[in-house]
Amino acid sequence: MVTVILTAHIQLPGVSSLKEKRRILSSMLTRIRNDFNVSIAEVGDNDRHRSAVIGAAAISNETSFSHQVIAKVVERIGANHDIILADYHTEVY
């Protein structure tokens, strides 16, 4: 069994409140969770309204499949118009 972990640092430049940030992130995280069957959550910068750290994990019997799923998650985060994907990295366990 292989687990691929994603840590993504994002910026939310047009956001002016934590409530607005939560709305944007909640919607995005729910769609990603449903579309890709991954565990995903905001894991850092919780009290900053213009940045966030997102963590996601994909578990599979095949390393290549887990990497493909995480790559699609990164693409989806980057495609969101309200978000700038500043940096990300992956780890394999």
PDB file of N, CA and C in Angstrom:
ATOM      1  N   MET A   1       0.848  -1.180   0.000  1.00  0.00           N
ATOM      2  CA  MET A   1       0.000   0.000   0.000  1.00  0.00           C
ATOM      3  C   MET A   1       0.887   1.234   0.000  1.00  0.00           C
ATOM      4  N   VAL A   2       0.531   2.219  -0.816  1.00  0.00           N
ATOM      5  CA  VAL A   2       1.306   3.444  -0.970  1.00  0.00           C
ATOM      6  C   VAL A   2       0.419   4.642  -0.671  1.00  0.00           C
ATOM      7  N   THR A   3       0.956   5.577   0.094  1.00  0.00           N
ATOM      8  CA  THR A   3       0.259   6.823   0.381  1.00  0.00           C
ATOM      9  C   THR A   3       1.077   7.975  -0.181  1.00  0.00           C
ATOM     10  N   VAL A   4       0.442   8.821  -0.967  1.00  0.00           N
ATOM     11  CA  VAL A   4       1.086  10.033  -1.470  1.00  0.00           C
ATOM     12  C   VAL A   4       0.414  11.213  -0.781  1.00  0.00           C
ATOM     13  N   ILE A   5       1.244  12.033  -0.135  1.00  0.00           N
ATOM     14  CA  ILE A   5       0.763  13.187   0.623  1.00  0.00           C
ATOM     15  C   ILE A   5       1.099  14.465  -0.148  1.00  0.00           C
ATOM     16  N   LEU A   6       0.137  15.339  -0.271  1.00  0.00           N
ATOM     17  CA  LEU A   6       0.315  16.643  -0.905  1.00  0.00           C
ATOM     18  C   LEU A   6       0.208  17.728   0.156  1.00  0.00           C
ATOM     19  N   THR A   7       1.132  18.671   0.118  1.00  0.00           N
ATOM     20  CA  THR A   7       1.033  19.891   0.915  1.00  0.00           C
ATOM     21  C   THR A   7       1.081  21.052  -0.071  1.00  0.00           C
ATOM     22  N   ALA A   8       0.009  21.838  -0.134  1.00  0.00           N
ATOM     23  CA  ALA A   8      -0.097  22.947  -1.077  1.00  0.00           C
ATOM     24  C   ALA A   8      -0.257  24.259  -0.329  1.00  0.00           C
ATOM     25  N   HIS A   9       0.582  25.222  -0.659  1.00  0.00           N
ATOM     26  CA  HIS A   9       0.487  26.573  -0.095  1.00  0.00           C
ATOM     27  C   HIS A   9      -0.224  27.436  -1.126  1.00  0.00           C
ATOM     28  N   ILE A  10      -1.339  28.026  -0.710  1.00  0.00           N
ATOM     29  CA  ILE A  10      -2.126  28.826  -1.637  1.00  0.00           C
ATOM     30  C   ILE A  10      -2.312  30.242  -1.118  1.00  0.00           C
ATOM     31  N   GLN A  11      -2.541  31.138  -2.052  1.00  0.00           N
ATOM     32  CA  GLN A  11      -2.843  32.532  -1.752  1.00  0.00           C
ATOM     33  C   GLN A  11      -4.257  32.834  -2.236  1.00  0.00           C
ATOM     34  N   LEU A  12      -4.965  33.659  -1.490  1.00  0.00           N
ATOM     35  CA  LEU A  12      -6.321  34.076  -1.848  1.00  0.00           C
ATOM     36  C   LEU A  12      -6.333  35.610  -1.886  1.00  0.00           C
ATOM     37  N   PRO A  13      -5.833  36.203  -2.976  1.00  0.00           N
ATOM     38  CA  PRO A  13      -5.599  37.650  -2.993  1.00  0.00           C
ATOM     39  C   PRO A  13      -6.840  38.526  -2.898  1.00  0.00           C
ATOM     40  N   GLY A  14      -7.972  38.082  -3.368  1.00  0.00           N
ATOM     41  CA  GLY A  14      -9.168  38.916  -3.353  1.00  0.00           C
ATOM     42  C   GLY A  14     -10.029  38.757  -2.121  1.00  0.00           C
ATOM     43  N   VAL A  15      -9.572  37.989  -1.150  1.00  0.00           N
ATOM     44  CA  VAL A  15     -10.377  37.673   0.024  1.00  0.00           C
ATOM     45  C   VAL A  15     -10.168  38.735   1.107  1.00  0.00           C
ATOM     46  N   SER A  16     -11.270  39.181   1.711  1.00  0.00           N
ATOM     47  CA  SER A  16     -11.158  40.232   2.726  1.00  0.00           C
ATOM     48  C   SER A  16     -11.598  39.788   4.118  1.00  0.00           C
ATOM     49  N   SER A  17     -12.030  38.526   4.255  1.00  0.00           N
ATOM     50  CA  SER A  17     -12.455  38.056   5.584  1.00  0.00           C
ATOM     51  C   SER A  17     -12.256  36.542   5.683  1.00  0.00           C
ATOM     52  N   LEU A  18     -12.196  36.052   6.912  1.00  0.00           N
ATOM     53  CA  LEU A  18     -12.089  34.618   7.129  1.00  0.00           C
ATOM     54  C   LEU A  18     -13.350  33.894   6.658  1.00  0.00           C
ATOM     55  N   LYS A  19     -14.489  34.533   6.773  1.00  0.00           N
ATOM     56  CA  LYS A  19     -15.746  33.932   6.325  1.00  0.00           C
ATOM     57  C   LYS A  19     -15.715  33.682   4.816  1.00  0.00           C
ATOM     58  N   GLU A  20     -15.212  34.645   4.069  1.00  0.00           N
ATOM     59  CA  GLU A  20     -15.112  34.488   2.622  1.00  0.00           C
ATOM     60  C   GLU A  20     -14.102  33.388   2.267  1.00  0.00           C
ATOM     61  N   LYS A  21     -12.983  33.365   2.996  1.00  0.00           N
ATOM     62  CA  LYS A  21     -11.971  32.323   2.782  1.00  0.00           C
ATOM     63  C   LYS A  21     -12.576  30.948   3.006  1.00  0.00           C
ATOM     64  N   ARG A  22     -13.291  30.770   4.097  1.00  0.00           N
ATOM     65  CA  ARG A  22     -13.899  29.480   4.425  1.00  0.00           C
ATOM     66  C   ARG A  22     -14.900  29.045   3.352  1.00  0.00           C
ATOM     67  N   ARG A  23     -15.641  29.995   2.823  1.00  0.00           N
ATOM     68  CA  ARG A  23     -16.617  29.682   1.771  1.00  0.00           C
ATOM     69  C   ARG A  23     -15.911  29.147   0.529  1.00  0.00           C
ATOM     70  N   ILE A  24     -14.866  29.828   0.106  1.00  0.00           N
ATOM     71  CA  ILE A  24     -14.118  29.411  -1.087  1.00  0.00           C
ATOM     72  C   ILE A  24     -13.464  28.048  -0.867  1.00  0.00           C
ATOM     73  N   LEU A  25     -12.780  27.896   0.269  1.00  0.00           N
ATOM     74  CA  LEU A  25     -12.076  26.645   0.538  1.00  0.00           C
ATOM     75  C   LEU A  25     -13.037  25.478   0.733  1.00  0.00           C
ATOM     76  N   SER A  26     -14.110  25.700   1.461  1.00  0.00           N
ATOM     77  CA  SER A  26     -15.068  24.631   1.716  1.00  0.00           C
ATOM     78  C   SER A  26     -15.634  24.080   0.410  1.00  0.00           C
ATOM     79  N   SER A  27     -16.001  24.964  -0.482  1.00  0.00           N
ATOM     80  CA  SER A  27     -16.547  24.552  -1.773  1.00  0.00           C
ATOM     81  C   SER A  27     -15.507  23.764  -2.575  1.00  0.00           C
ATOM     82  N   MET A  28     -14.296  24.283  -2.659  1.00  0.00           N
ATOM     83  CA  MET A  28     -13.241  23.622  -3.426  1.00  0.00           C
ATOM     84  C   MET A  28     -12.887  22.260  -2.832  1.00  0.00           C
ATOM     85  N   LEU A  29     -12.718  22.198  -1.507  1.00  0.00           N
ATOM     86  CA  LEU A  29     -12.322  20.951  -0.861  1.00  0.00           C
ATOM     87  C   LEU A  29     -13.397  19.877  -1.012  1.00  0.00           C
ATOM     88  N   THR A  30     -14.652  20.255  -0.912  1.00  0.00           N
ATOM     89  CA  THR A  30     -15.748  19.297  -1.087  1.00  0.00           C
ATOM     90  C   THR A  30     -15.759  18.730  -2.500  1.00  0.00           C
ATOM     91  N   ARG A  31     -15.600  19.589  -3.503  1.00  0.00           N
ATOM     92  CA  ARG A  31     -15.579  19.116  -4.894  1.00  0.00           C
ATOM     93  C   ARG A  31     -14.400  18.173  -5.134  1.00  0.00           C
ATOM     94  N   ILE A  32     -13.225  18.529  -4.629  1.00  0.00           N
ATOM     95  CA  ILE A  32     -12.047  17.677  -4.817  1.00  0.00           C
ATOM     96  C   ILE A  32     -12.244  16.337  -4.104  1.00  0.00           C
ATOM     97  N   ARG A  33     -12.733  16.378  -2.893  1.00  0.00           N
ATOM     98  CA  ARG A  33     -12.972  15.148  -2.118  1.00  0.00           C
ATOM     99  C   ARG A  33     -13.923  14.221  -2.870  1.00  0.00           C
ATOM    100  N   ASN A  34     -14.987  14.770  -3.421  1.00  0.00           N
ATOM    101  CA  ASN A  34     -15.980  13.963  -4.134  1.00  0.00           C
ATOM    102  C   ASN A  34     -15.477  13.469  -5.487  1.00  0.00           C
ATOM    103  N   ASP A  35     -14.732  14.300  -6.204  1.00  0.00           N
ATOM    104  CA  ASP A  35     -14.281  13.937  -7.547  1.00  0.00           C
ATOM    105  C   ASP A  35     -13.124  12.945  -7.549  1.00  0.00           C
ATOM    106  N   PHE A  36     -12.232  13.032  -6.554  1.00  0.00           N
ATOM    107  CA  PHE A  36     -11.012  12.223  -6.581  1.00  0.00           C
ATOM    108  C   PHE A  36     -10.896  11.218  -5.435  1.00  0.00           C
ATOM    109  N   ASN A  37     -11.856  11.183  -4.542  1.00  0.00           N
ATOM    110  CA  ASN A  37     -11.845  10.236  -3.422  1.00  0.00           C
ATOM    111  C   ASN A  37     -10.540  10.309  -2.619  1.00  0.00           C
ATOM    112  N   VAL A  38     -10.160  11.519  -2.237  1.00  0.00           N
ATOM    113  CA  VAL A  38      -8.970  11.743  -1.414  1.00  0.00           C
ATOM    114  C   VAL A  38      -9.390  12.356  -0.084  1.00  0.00           C
ATOM    115  N   SER A  39      -8.505  12.246   0.884  1.00  0.00           N
ATOM    116  CA  SER A  39      -8.687  12.984   2.133  1.00  0.00           C
ATOM    117  C   SER A  39      -8.028  14.336   1.928  1.00  0.00           C
ATOM    118  N   ILE A  40      -8.744  15.411   2.223  1.00  0.00           N
ATOM    119  CA  ILE A  40      -8.216  16.753   1.982  1.00  0.00           C
ATOM    120  C   ILE A  40      -8.783  17.709   3.022  1.00  0.00           C
ATOM    121  N   ALA A  41      -7.928  18.630   3.498  1.00  0.00           N
ATOM    122  CA  ALA A  41      -8.361  19.603   4.503  1.00  0.00           C
ATOM    123  C   ALA A  41      -7.402  20.777   4.535  1.00  0.00           C
ATOM    124  N   GLU A  42      -7.864  21.876   5.118  1.00  0.00           N
ATOM    125  CA  GLU A  42      -6.981  23.002   5.405  1.00  0.00           C
ATOM    126  C   GLU A  42      -6.172  22.630   6.642  1.00  0.00           C
ATOM    127  N   VAL A  43      -4.852  22.673   6.527  1.00  0.00           N
ATOM    128  CA  VAL A  43      -3.999  22.211   7.622  1.00  0.00           C
ATOM    129  C   VAL A  43      -3.066  23.295   8.169  1.00  0.00           C
ATOM    130  N   GLY A  44      -3.132  24.497   7.621  1.00  0.00           N
ATOM    131  CA  GLY A  44      -2.273  25.562   8.115  1.00  0.00           C
ATOM    132  C   GLY A  44      -2.770  26.931   7.696  1.00  0.00           C
ATOM    133  N   ASP A  45      -2.220  27.974   8.330  1.00  0.00           N
ATOM    134  CA  ASP A  45      -2.628  29.371   8.101  1.00  0.00           C
ATOM    135  C   ASP A  45      -4.133  29.550   8.313  1.00  0.00           C
ATOM    136  N   ASN A  46      -4.675  28.846   9.290  1.00  0.00           N
ATOM    137  CA  ASN A  46      -6.119  28.872   9.517  1.00  0.00           C
ATOM    138  C   ASN A  46      -6.660  30.249   9.874  1.00  0.00           C
ATOM    139  N   ASP A  47      -5.880  31.071  10.535  1.00  0.00           N
ATOM    140  CA  ASP A  47      -6.378  32.378  10.969  1.00  0.00           C
ATOM    141  C   ASP A  47      -5.925  33.519  10.055  1.00  0.00           C
ATOM    142  N   ARG A  48      -5.350  33.201   8.915  1.00  0.00           N
ATOM    143  CA  ARG A  48      -4.985  34.219   7.923  1.00  0.00           C
ATOM    144  C   ARG A  48      -6.006  34.176   6.800  1.00  0.00           C
ATOM    145  N   HIS A  49      -6.545  35.328   6.435  1.00  0.00           N
ATOM    146  CA  HIS A  49      -7.612  35.313   5.442  1.00  0.00           C
ATOM    147  C   HIS A  49      -7.127  35.340   4.003  1.00  0.00           C
ATOM    148  N   ARG A  50      -5.849  35.567   3.745  1.00  0.00           N
ATOM    149  CA  ARG A  50      -5.358  35.590   2.364  1.00  0.00           C
ATOM    150  C   ARG A  50      -4.384  34.462   2.026  1.00  0.00           C
ATOM    151  N   SER A  51      -4.248  33.491   2.908  1.00  0.00           N
ATOM    152  CA  SER A  51      -3.400  32.334   2.600  1.00  0.00           C
ATOM    153  C   SER A  51      -3.924  31.105   3.328  1.00  0.00           C
ATOM    154  N   ALA A  52      -3.507  29.939   2.834  1.00  0.00           N
ATOM    155  CA  ALA A  52      -3.909  28.678   3.451  1.00  0.00           C
ATOM    156  C   ALA A  52      -2.911  27.602   3.055  1.00  0.00           C
ATOM    157  N   VAL A  53      -2.848  26.576   3.870  1.00  0.00           N
ATOM    158  CA  VAL A  53      -2.074  25.386   3.545  1.00  0.00           C
ATOM    159  C   VAL A  53      -3.075  24.242   3.476  1.00  0.00           C
ATOM    160  N   ILE A  54      -3.061  23.544   2.343  1.00  0.00           N
ATOM    161  CA  ILE A  54      -3.984  22.445   2.102  1.00  0.00           C
ATOM    162  C   ILE A  54      -3.193  21.142   2.128  1.00  0.00           C
ATOM    163  N   GLY A  55      -3.720  20.159   2.834  1.00  0.00           N
ATOM    164  CA  GLY A  55      -3.115  18.834   2.851  1.00  0.00           C
ATOM    165  C   GLY A  55      -4.067  17.835   2.226  1.00  0.00           C
ATOM    166  N   ALA A  56      -3.519  16.918   1.397  1.00  0.00           N
ATOM    167  CA  ALA A  56      -4.331  15.881   0.767  1.00  0.00           C
ATOM    168  C   ALA A  56      -3.559  14.575   0.769  1.00  0.00           C
ATOM    169  N   ALA A  57      -4.285  13.469   0.813  1.00  0.00           N
ATOM    170  CA  ALA A  57      -3.646  12.156   0.792  1.00  0.00           C
ATOM    171  C   ALA A  57      -4.420  11.220  -0.133  1.00  0.00           C
ATOM    172  N   ALA A  58      -3.665  10.481  -0.943  1.00  0.00           N
ATOM    173  CA  ALA A  58      -4.237   9.448  -1.810  1.00  0.00           C
ATOM    174  C   ALA A  58      -3.576   8.129  -1.454  1.00  0.00           C
ATOM    175  N   ILE A  59      -4.376   7.109  -1.238  1.00  0.00           N
ATOM    176  CA  ILE A  59      -3.873   5.788  -0.857  1.00  0.00           C
ATOM    177  C   ILE A  59      -4.287   4.782  -1.923  1.00  0.00           C
ATOM    178  N   SER A  60      -3.312   3.963  -2.340  1.00  0.00           N
ATOM    179  CA  SER A  60      -3.577   2.969  -3.369  1.00  0.00           C
ATOM    180  C   SER A  60      -2.563   1.843  -3.262  1.00  0.00           C
ATOM    181  N   ASN A  61      -2.832   0.751  -3.967  1.00  0.00           N
ATOM    182  CA  ASN A  61      -1.865  -0.336  -4.049  1.00  0.00           C
ATOM    183  C   ASN A  61      -0.754  -0.029  -5.047  1.00  0.00           C
ATOM    184  N   GLU A  62      -0.994   0.946  -5.927  1.00  0.00           N
ATOM    185  CA  GLU A  62      -0.031   1.282  -6.967  1.00  0.00           C
ATOM    186  C   GLU A  62       0.463   2.719  -6.790  1.00  0.00           C
ATOM    187  N   THR A  63       1.776   2.872  -6.773  1.00  0.00           N
ATOM    188  CA  THR A  63       2.385   4.195  -6.614  1.00  0.00           C
ATOM    189  C   THR A  63       1.974   5.130  -7.741  1.00  0.00           C
ATOM    190  N   SER A  64       1.998   4.632  -8.973  1.00  0.00           N
ATOM    191  CA  SER A  64       1.682   5.490 -10.116  1.00  0.00           C
ATOM    192  C   SER A  64       0.256   6.025 -10.047  1.00  0.00           C
ATOM    193  N   PHE A  65      -0.686   5.208  -9.586  1.00  0.00           N
ATOM    194  CA  PHE A  65      -2.068   5.672  -9.479  1.00  0.00           C
ATOM    195  C   PHE A  65      -2.192   6.784  -8.444  1.00  0.00           C
ATOM    196  N   SER A  66      -1.559   6.610  -7.292  1.00  0.00           N
ATOM    197  CA  SER A  66      -1.606   7.648  -6.253  1.00  0.00           C
ATOM    198  C   SER A  66      -1.004   8.949  -6.753  1.00  0.00           C
ATOM    199  N   HIS A  67       0.106   8.868  -7.490  1.00  0.00           N
ATOM    200  CA  HIS A  67       0.723  10.070  -8.055  1.00  0.00           C
ATOM    201  C   HIS A  67      -0.200  10.746  -9.069  1.00  0.00           C
ATOM    202  N   GLN A  68      -0.872   9.950  -9.882  1.00  0.00           N
ATOM    203  CA  GLN A  68      -1.795  10.512 -10.872  1.00  0.00           C
ATOM    204  C   GLN A  68      -2.948  11.246 -10.199  1.00  0.00           C
ATOM    205  N   VAL A  69      -3.482  10.660  -9.148  1.00  0.00           N
ATOM    206  CA  VAL A  69      -4.587  11.295  -8.429  1.00  0.00           C
ATOM    207  C   VAL A  69      -4.136  12.618  -7.827  1.00  0.00           C
ATOM    208  N   ILE A  70      -2.980  12.623  -7.169  1.00  0.00           N
ATOM    209  CA  ILE A  70      -2.477  13.855  -6.554  1.00  0.00           C
ATOM    210  C   ILE A  70      -2.172  14.904  -7.624  1.00  0.00           C
ATOM    211  N   ALA A  71      -1.654  14.490  -8.773  1.00  0.00           N
ATOM    212  CA  ALA A  71      -1.397  15.439  -9.870  1.00  0.00           C
ATOM    213  C   ALA A  71      -2.698  16.094 -10.330  1.00  0.00           C
ATOM    214  N   LYS A  72      -3.784  15.330 -10.390  1.00  0.00           N
ATOM    215  CA  LYS A  72      -5.083  15.896 -10.769  1.00  0.00           C
ATOM    216  C   LYS A  72      -5.609  16.851  -9.704  1.00  0.00           C
ATOM    217  N   VAL A  73      -5.345  16.542  -8.448  1.00  0.00           N
ATOM    218  CA  VAL A  73      -5.747  17.437  -7.358  1.00  0.00           C
ATOM    219  C   VAL A  73      -5.000  18.767  -7.488  1.00  0.00           C
ATOM    220  N   VAL A  74      -3.695  18.703  -7.757  1.00  0.00           N
ATOM    221  CA  VAL A  74      -2.896  19.926  -7.938  1.00  0.00           C
ATOM    222  C   VAL A  74      -3.440  20.741  -9.111  1.00  0.00           C
ATOM    223  N   GLU A  75      -3.764  20.074 -10.213  1.00  0.00           N
ATOM    224  CA  GLU A  75      -4.334  20.771 -11.375  1.00  0.00           C
ATOM    225  C   GLU A  75      -5.642  21.463 -11.009  1.00  0.00           C
ATOM    226  N   ARG A  76      -6.488  20.781 -10.260  1.00  0.00           N
ATOM    227  CA  ARG A  76      -7.779  21.346  -9.879  1.00  0.00           C
ATOM    228  C   ARG A  76      -7.596  22.565  -8.979  1.00  0.00           C
ATOM    229  N   ILE A  77      -6.675  22.493  -8.030  1.00  0.00           N
ATOM    230  CA  ILE A  77      -6.417  23.642  -7.154  1.00  0.00           C
ATOM    231  C   ILE A  77      -5.929  24.819  -7.994  1.00  0.00           C
ATOM    232  N   GLY A  78      -4.997  24.554  -8.904  1.00  0.00           N
ATOM    233  CA  GLY A  78      -4.448  25.610  -9.747  1.00  0.00           C
ATOM    234  C   GLY A  78      -5.451  26.209 -10.714  1.00  0.00           C
ATOM    235  N   ALA A  79      -6.489  25.461 -11.061  1.00  0.00           N
ATOM    236  CA  ALA A  79      -7.494  25.938 -12.009  1.00  0.00           C
ATOM    237  C   ALA A  79      -8.538  26.849 -11.366  1.00  0.00           C
ATOM    238  N   ASN A  80      -8.564  26.899 -10.030  1.00  0.00           N
ATOM    239  CA  ASN A  80      -9.537  27.731  -9.333  1.00  0.00           C
ATOM    240  C   ASN A  80      -9.178  29.208  -9.523  1.00  0.00           C
ATOM    241  N   HIS A  81     -10.134  30.004  -9.984  1.00  0.00           N
ATOM    242  CA  HIS A  81      -9.881  31.411 -10.299  1.00  0.00           C
ATOM    243  C   HIS A  81      -9.664  32.287  -9.070  1.00  0.00           C
ATOM    244  N   ASP A  82     -10.138  31.854  -7.909  1.00  0.00           N
ATOM    245  CA  ASP A  82     -10.012  32.644  -6.685  1.00  0.00           C
ATOM    246  C   ASP A  82      -8.696  32.372  -5.952  1.00  0.00           C
ATOM    247  N   ILE A  83      -7.925  31.402  -6.441  1.00  0.00           N
ATOM    248  CA  ILE A  83      -6.759  30.908  -5.703  1.00  0.00           C
ATOM    249  C   ILE A  83      -5.507  30.968  -6.569  1.00  0.00           C
ATOM    250  N   ILE A  84      -4.383  31.299  -5.930  1.00  0.00           N
ATOM    251  CA  ILE A  84      -3.077  31.202  -6.571  1.00  0.00           C
ATOM    252  C   ILE A  84      -2.321  30.080  -5.863  1.00  0.00           C
ATOM    253  N   LEU A  85      -1.915  29.079  -6.625  1.00  0.00           N
ATOM    254  CA  LEU A  85      -1.125  27.983  -6.069  1.00  0.00           C
ATOM    255  C   LEU A  85       0.323  28.466  -5.994  1.00  0.00           C
ATOM    256  N   ALA A  86       0.762  28.833  -4.788  1.00  0.00           N
ATOM    257  CA  ALA A  86       2.088  29.420  -4.601  1.00  0.00           C
ATOM    258  C   ALA A  86       3.184  28.368  -4.617  1.00  0.00           C
ATOM    259  N   ASP A  87       2.936  27.215  -3.990  1.00  0.00           N
ATOM    260  CA  ASP A  87       3.951  26.181  -3.877  1.00  0.00           C
ATOM    261  C   ASP A  87       3.272  24.884  -3.445  1.00  0.00           C
ATOM    262  N   TYR A  88       3.880  23.768  -3.790  1.00  0.00           N
ATOM    263  CA  TYR A  88       3.390  22.489  -3.291  1.00  0.00           C
ATOM    264  C   TYR A  88       4.519  21.476  -3.309  1.00  0.00           C
ATOM    265  N   HIS A  89       4.372  20.459  -2.501  1.00  0.00           N
ATOM    266  CA  HIS A  89       5.302  19.331  -2.547  1.00  0.00           C
ATOM    267  C   HIS A  89       4.567  18.061  -2.152  1.00  0.00           C
ATOM    268  N   THR A  90       5.135  16.939  -2.575  1.00  0.00           N
ATOM    269  CA  THR A  90       4.541  15.641  -2.286  1.00  0.00           C
ATOM    270  C   THR A  90       5.549  14.769  -1.563  1.00  0.00           C
ATOM    271  N   GLU A  91       5.011  13.837  -0.798  1.00  0.00           N
ATOM    272  CA  GLU A  91       5.820  12.843  -0.093  1.00  0.00           C
ATOM    273  C   GLU A  91       5.162  11.489  -0.304  1.00  0.00           C
ATOM    274  N   VAL A  92       5.981  10.446  -0.375  1.00  0.00           N
ATOM    275  CA  VAL A  92       5.483   9.093  -0.561  1.00  0.00           C
ATOM    276  C   VAL A  92       5.792   8.269   0.667  1.00  0.00           C
ATOM    277  N   TYR A  93       4.790   7.537   1.161  1.00  0.00           N
ATOM    278  CA  TYR A  93       4.957   6.653   2.314  1.00  0.00           C
ATOM    279  C   TYR A  93       4.518   5.258   1.955  1.00  0.00           C
TER     280      TYR A  93
END
